[in-house]
Amino acid sequence: DDKEYFYTTFIDKEKIKLLIKDIKDYDELVKEGKWVDRQCNFKSYGKQNAECEYCKMAEIYK
């Protein structure tokens, strides 16, 4: 079923390495206070004019 395809994925060693790198990058950026300066890549998946809830929360740190 095409509806279920969105939720079907295979996680290999390369994806795990990328996830670990993302977590390390996130940790470093948060500790340096630079996380809120990053570009947001939020995708609402069908909700029009949806605002990223994390960007909204981050406004208090700018």
PDB file of N, CA and C in Angstrom:
ATOM      1  N   ASP A   1       0.848  -1.189   0.000  1.00  0.00           N
ATOM      2  CA  ASP A   1       0.000   0.000   0.000  1.00  0.00           C
ATOM      3  C   ASP A   1       0.886   1.242   0.000  1.00  0.00           C
ATOM      4  N   ASP A   2       0.600   2.190  -0.886  1.00  0.00           N
ATOM      5  CA  ASP A   2       1.406   3.409  -0.994  1.00  0.00           C
ATOM      6  C   ASP A   2       1.360   4.255   0.273  1.00  0.00           C
ATOM      7  N   LYS A   3       0.265   4.211   1.000  1.00  0.00           N
ATOM      8  CA  LYS A   3       0.155   4.998   2.231  1.00  0.00           C
ATOM      9  C   LYS A   3       1.156   4.520   3.278  1.00  0.00           C
ATOM     10  N   GLU A   4       1.414   3.236   3.306  1.00  0.00           N
ATOM     11  CA  GLU A   4       2.339   2.661   4.275  1.00  0.00           C
ATOM     12  C   GLU A   4       3.797   2.817   3.857  1.00  0.00           C
ATOM     13  N   TYR A   5       4.046   3.117   2.588  1.00  0.00           N
ATOM     14  CA  TYR A   5       5.412   3.241   2.095  1.00  0.00           C
ATOM     15  C   TYR A   5       6.181   4.316   2.849  1.00  0.00           C
ATOM     16  N   PHE A   6       5.516   5.385   3.213  1.00  0.00           N
ATOM     17  CA  PHE A   6       6.147   6.488   3.933  1.00  0.00           C
ATOM     18  C   PHE A   6       6.775   5.992   5.235  1.00  0.00           C
ATOM     19  N   TYR A   7       6.188   5.003   5.858  1.00  0.00           N
ATOM     20  CA  TYR A   7       6.650   4.510   7.146  1.00  0.00           C
ATOM     21  C   TYR A   7       7.571   3.293   7.040  1.00  0.00           C
ATOM     22  N   THR A   8       7.787   2.806   5.847  1.00  0.00           N
ATOM     23  CA  THR A   8       8.639   1.644   5.641  1.00  0.00           C
ATOM     24  C   THR A   8      10.043   2.102   5.270  1.00  0.00           C
ATOM     25  N   THR A   9      11.020   1.665   6.026  1.00  0.00           N
ATOM     26  CA  THR A   9      12.394   2.062   5.741  1.00  0.00           C
ATOM     27  C   THR A   9      13.344   0.966   6.212  1.00  0.00           C
ATOM     28  N   PHE A  10      14.532   1.000   5.678  1.00  0.00           N
ATOM     29  CA  PHE A  10      15.573   0.068   6.086  1.00  0.00           C
ATOM     30  C   PHE A  10      16.718   0.883   6.668  1.00  0.00           C
ATOM     31  N   ILE A  11      17.131   0.564   7.864  1.00  0.00           N
ATOM     32  CA  ILE A  11      18.204   1.305   8.521  1.00  0.00           C
ATOM     33  C   ILE A  11      19.467   0.454   8.476  1.00  0.00           C
ATOM     34  N   ASP A  12      20.435   0.932   7.689  1.00  0.00           N
ATOM     35  CA  ASP A  12      21.697   0.204   7.569  1.00  0.00           C
ATOM     36  C   ASP A  12      22.777   0.901   8.398  1.00  0.00           C
ATOM     37  N   LYS A  13      23.982   0.366   8.357  1.00  0.00           N
ATOM     38  CA  LYS A  13      25.085   0.918   9.155  1.00  0.00           C
ATOM     39  C   LYS A  13      25.404   2.357   8.766  1.00  0.00           C
ATOM     40  N   GLU A  14      25.290   2.686   7.484  1.00  0.00           N
ATOM     41  CA  GLU A  14      25.577   4.049   7.031  1.00  0.00           C
ATOM     42  C   GLU A  14      24.586   5.043   7.631  1.00  0.00           C
ATOM     43  N   LYS A  15      23.316   4.687   7.683  1.00  0.00           N
ATOM     44  CA  LYS A  15      22.309   5.573   8.276  1.00  0.00           C
ATOM     45  C   LYS A  15      22.546   5.743   9.768  1.00  0.00           C
ATOM     46  N   ILE A  16      22.989   4.691  10.422  1.00  0.00           N
ATOM     47  CA  ILE A  16      23.301   4.780  11.850  1.00  0.00           C
ATOM     48  C   ILE A  16      24.491   5.710  12.068  1.00  0.00           C
ATOM     49  N   LYS A  17      25.513   5.610  11.222  1.00  0.00           N
ATOM     50  CA  LYS A  17      26.672   6.507  11.320  1.00  0.00           C
ATOM     51  C   LYS A  17      26.247   7.958  11.124  1.00  0.00           C
ATOM     52  N   LEU A  18      25.373   8.193  10.152  1.00  0.00           N
ATOM     53  CA  LEU A  18      24.893   9.553   9.902  1.00  0.00           C
ATOM     54  C   LEU A  18      24.086  10.077  11.085  1.00  0.00           C
ATOM     55  N   LEU A  19      23.287   9.223  11.698  1.00  0.00           N
ATOM     56  CA  LEU A  19      22.512   9.625  12.869  1.00  0.00           C
ATOM     57  C   LEU A  19      23.430   9.992  14.026  1.00  0.00           C
ATOM     58  N   ILE A  20      24.457   9.196  14.252  1.00  0.00           N
ATOM     59  CA  ILE A  20      25.425   9.493  15.317  1.00  0.00           C
ATOM     60  C   ILE A  20      26.120  10.820  15.044  1.00  0.00           C
ATOM     61  N   LYS A  21      26.492  11.076  13.792  1.00  0.00           N
ATOM     62  CA  LYS A  21      27.120  12.347  13.428  1.00  0.00           C
ATOM     63  C   LYS A  21      26.160  13.508  13.670  1.00  0.00           C
ATOM     64  N   ASP A  22      24.887  13.335  13.290  1.00  0.00           N
ATOM     65  CA  ASP A  22      23.888  14.379  13.515  1.00  0.00           C
ATOM     66  C   ASP A  22      23.741  14.697  14.997  1.00  0.00           C
ATOM     67  N   ILE A  23      23.738  13.672  15.825  1.00  0.00           N
ATOM     68  CA  ILE A  23      23.608  13.875  17.268  1.00  0.00           C
ATOM     69  C   ILE A  23      24.822  14.616  17.814  1.00  0.00           C
ATOM     70  N   LYS A  24      26.013  14.249  17.362  1.00  0.00           N
ATOM     71  CA  LYS A  24      27.232  14.945  17.803  1.00  0.00           C
ATOM     72  C   LYS A  24      27.220  16.403  17.357  1.00  0.00           C
ATOM     73  N   ASP A  25      26.819  16.642  16.099  1.00  0.00           N
ATOM     74  CA  ASP A  25      26.737  18.014  15.590  1.00  0.00           C
ATOM     75  C   ASP A  25      25.732  18.824  16.395  1.00  0.00           C
ATOM     76  N   TYR A  26      24.576  18.236  16.670  1.00  0.00           N
ATOM     77  CA  TYR A  26      23.540  18.903  17.460  1.00  0.00           C
ATOM     78  C   TYR A  26      24.071  19.260  18.845  1.00  0.00           C
ATOM     79  N   ASP A  27      24.714  18.307  19.503  1.00  0.00           N
ATOM     80  CA  ASP A  27      25.251  18.527  20.842  1.00  0.00           C
ATOM     81  C   ASP A  27      26.252  19.676  20.842  1.00  0.00           C
ATOM     82  N   GLU A  28      27.129  19.688  19.856  1.00  0.00           N
ATOM     83  CA  GLU A  28      28.139  20.742  19.761  1.00  0.00           C
ATOM     84  C   GLU A  28      27.494  22.109  19.525  1.00  0.00           C
ATOM     85  N   LEU A  29      26.542  22.167  18.614  1.00  0.00           N
ATOM     86  CA  LEU A  29      25.888  23.437  18.303  1.00  0.00           C
ATOM     87  C   LEU A  29      25.082  23.970  19.484  1.00  0.00           C
ATOM     88  N   VAL A  30      24.439  23.088  20.235  1.00  0.00           N
ATOM     89  CA  VAL A  30      23.682  23.520  21.414  1.00  0.00           C
ATOM     90  C   VAL A  30      24.631  24.068  22.470  1.00  0.00           C
ATOM     91  N   LYS A  31      25.726  23.372  22.712  1.00  0.00           N
ATOM     92  CA  LYS A  31      26.691  23.812  23.723  1.00  0.00           C
ATOM     93  C   LYS A  31      27.325  25.151  23.362  1.00  0.00           C
ATOM     94  N   GLU A  32      27.492  25.410  22.053  1.00  0.00           N
ATOM     95  CA  GLU A  32      28.085  26.670  21.603  1.00  0.00           C
ATOM     96  C   GLU A  32      27.049  27.780  21.425  1.00  0.00           C
ATOM     97  N   GLY A  33      25.772  27.445  21.597  1.00  0.00           N
ATOM     98  CA  GLY A  33      24.713  28.439  21.436  1.00  0.00           C
ATOM     99  C   GLY A  33      24.420  28.798  19.991  1.00  0.00           C
ATOM    100  N   LYS A  34      24.829  27.960  19.057  1.00  0.00           N
ATOM    101  CA  LYS A  34      24.650  28.254  17.637  1.00  0.00           C
ATOM    102  C   LYS A  34      23.457  27.522  17.018  1.00  0.00           C
ATOM    103  N   TRP A  35      22.797  26.657  17.775  1.00  0.00           N
ATOM    104  CA  TRP A  35      21.719  25.847  17.219  1.00  0.00           C
ATOM    105  C   TRP A  35      20.592  26.711  16.655  1.00  0.00           C
ATOM    106  N   VAL A  36      20.255  27.792  17.344  1.00  0.00           N
ATOM    107  CA  VAL A  36      19.133  28.631  16.901  1.00  0.00           C
ATOM    108  C   VAL A  36      19.462  29.438  15.656  1.00  0.00           C
ATOM    109  N   ASP A  37      20.724  29.490  15.248  1.00  0.00           N
ATOM    110  CA  ASP A  37      21.118  30.244  14.056  1.00  0.00           C
ATOM    111  C   ASP A  37      21.080  29.399  12.788  1.00  0.00           C
ATOM    112  N   ARG A  38      20.816  28.126  12.920  1.00  0.00           N
ATOM    113  CA  ARG A  38      20.804  27.223  11.764  1.00  0.00           C
ATOM    114  C   ARG A  38      19.558  27.419  10.913  1.00  0.00           C
ATOM    115  N   GLN A  39      19.682  27.064   9.629  1.00  0.00           N
ATOM    116  CA  GLN A  39      18.545  27.092   8.719  1.00  0.00           C
ATOM    117  C   GLN A  39      17.592  25.953   9.079  1.00  0.00           C
ATOM    118  N   CYS A  40      16.313  26.237   9.070  1.00  0.00           N
ATOM    119  CA  CYS A  40      15.309  25.216   9.370  1.00  0.00           C
ATOM    120  C   CYS A  40      14.908  24.502   8.081  1.00  0.00           C
ATOM    121  N   ASN A  41      14.805  23.192   8.147  1.00  0.00           N
ATOM    122  CA  ASN A  41      14.377  22.384   7.001  1.00  0.00           C
ATOM    123  C   ASN A  41      13.044  21.701   7.279  1.00  0.00           C
ATOM    124  N   PHE A  42      12.205  22.360   8.058  1.00  0.00           N
ATOM    125  CA  PHE A  42      10.904  21.815   8.444  1.00  0.00           C
ATOM    126  C   PHE A  42      10.033  21.563   7.225  1.00  0.00           C
ATOM    127  N   LYS A  43       9.384  20.405   7.201  1.00  0.00           N
ATOM    128  CA  LYS A  43       8.422  20.063   6.151  1.00  0.00           C
ATOM    129  C   LYS A  43       7.122  19.665   6.842  1.00  0.00           C
ATOM    130  N   SER A  44       6.045  20.304   6.462  1.00  0.00           N
ATOM    131  CA  SER A  44       4.773  20.080   7.152  1.00  0.00           C
ATOM    132  C   SER A  44       4.006  18.866   6.646  1.00  0.00           C
ATOM    133  N   TYR A  45       4.432  18.273   5.550  1.00  0.00           N
ATOM    134  CA  TYR A  45       3.776  17.091   4.990  1.00  0.00           C
ATOM    135  C   TYR A  45       2.272  17.296   4.826  1.00  0.00           C
ATOM    136  N   GLY A  46       1.909  18.336   4.084  1.00  0.00           N
ATOM    137  CA  GLY A  46       0.516  18.553   3.722  1.00  0.00           C
ATOM    138  C   GLY A  46      -0.174  19.679   4.452  1.00  0.00           C
ATOM    139  N   LYS A  47       0.316  20.091   5.578  1.00  0.00           N
ATOM    140  CA  LYS A  47      -0.308  21.189   6.310  1.00  0.00           C
ATOM    141  C   LYS A  47       0.195  22.499   5.726  1.00  0.00           C
ATOM    142  N   GLN A  48      -0.716  23.265   5.166  1.00  0.00           N
ATOM    143  CA  GLN A  48      -0.319  24.524   4.550  1.00  0.00           C
ATOM    144  C   GLN A  48      -0.071  25.580   5.621  1.00  0.00           C
ATOM    145  N   ASN A  49       0.930  26.397   5.378  1.00  0.00           N
ATOM    146  CA  ASN A  49       1.297  27.508   6.261  1.00  0.00           C
ATOM    147  C   ASN A  49       1.616  27.054   7.684  1.00  0.00           C
ATOM    148  N   ALA A  50       2.084  25.832   7.834  1.00  0.00           N
ATOM    149  CA  ALA A  50       2.453  25.330   9.156  1.00  0.00           C
ATOM    150  C   ALA A  50       3.815  25.888   9.545  1.00  0.00           C
ATOM    151  N   GLU A  51       3.913  26.335  10.781  1.00  0.00           N
ATOM    152  CA  GLU A  51       5.167  26.886  11.288  1.00  0.00           C
ATOM    153  C   GLU A  51       5.882  25.817  12.111  1.00  0.00           C
ATOM    154  N   CYS A  52       7.190  25.784  11.981  1.00  0.00           N
ATOM    155  CA  CYS A  52       7.987  24.835  12.753  1.00  0.00           C
ATOM    156  C   CYS A  52       7.881  25.195  14.237  1.00  0.00           C
ATOM    157  N   GLU A  53       7.427  24.242  15.040  1.00  0.00           N
ATOM    158  CA  GLU A  53       7.249  24.517  16.464  1.00  0.00           C
ATOM    159  C   GLU A  53       8.578  24.793  17.164  1.00  0.00           C
ATOM    160  N   TYR A  54       9.658  24.199  16.655  1.00  0.00           N
ATOM    161  CA  TYR A  54      10.965  24.394  17.278  1.00  0.00           C
ATOM    162  C   TYR A  54      11.529  25.777  16.956  1.00  0.00           C
ATOM    163  N   CYS A  55      11.306  26.241  15.730  1.00  0.00           N
ATOM    164  CA  CYS A  55      11.733  27.600  15.379  1.00  0.00           C
ATOM    165  C   CYS A  55      10.966  28.622  16.206  1.00  0.00           C
ATOM    166  N   LYS A  56       9.694  28.349  16.410  1.00  0.00           N
ATOM    167  CA  LYS A  56       8.868  29.247  17.214  1.00  0.00           C
ATOM    168  C   LYS A  56       9.407  29.319  18.646  1.00  0.00           C
ATOM    169  N   MET A  57       9.757  28.164  19.214  1.00  0.00           N
ATOM    170  CA  MET A  57      10.308  28.147  20.574  1.00  0.00           C
ATOM    171  C   MET A  57      11.679  28.815  20.625  1.00  0.00           C
ATOM    172  N   ALA A  58      12.468  28.668  19.567  1.00  0.00           N
ATOM    173  CA  ALA A  58      13.832  29.202  19.546  1.00  0.00           C
ATOM    174  C   ALA A  58      13.861  30.722  19.497  1.00  0.00           C
ATOM    175  N   GLU A  59      12.752  31.357  19.127  1.00  0.00           N
ATOM    176  CA  GLU A  59      12.712  32.818  19.044  1.00  0.00           C
ATOM    177  C   GLU A  59      13.086  33.473  20.373  1.00  0.00           C
ATOM    178  N   ILE A  60      12.818  32.814  21.489  1.00  0.00           N
ATOM    179  CA  ILE A  60      13.141  33.419  22.784  1.00  0.00           C
ATOM    180  C   ILE A  60      14.651  33.497  23.016  1.00  0.00           C
ATOM    181  N   TYR A  61      15.427  32.741  22.247  1.00  0.00           N
ATOM    182  CA  TYR A  61      16.879  32.738  22.418  1.00  0.00           C
ATOM    183  C   TYR A  61      17.593  33.685  21.474  1.00  0.00           C
ATOM    184  N   LYS A  62      16.849  34.326  20.602  1.00  0.00           N
ATOM    185  CA  LYS A  62      17.480  35.236  19.633  1.00  0.00           C
ATOM    186  C   LYS A  62      17.456  36.654  20.135  1.00  0.00           C
TER     187      LYS A  62
END
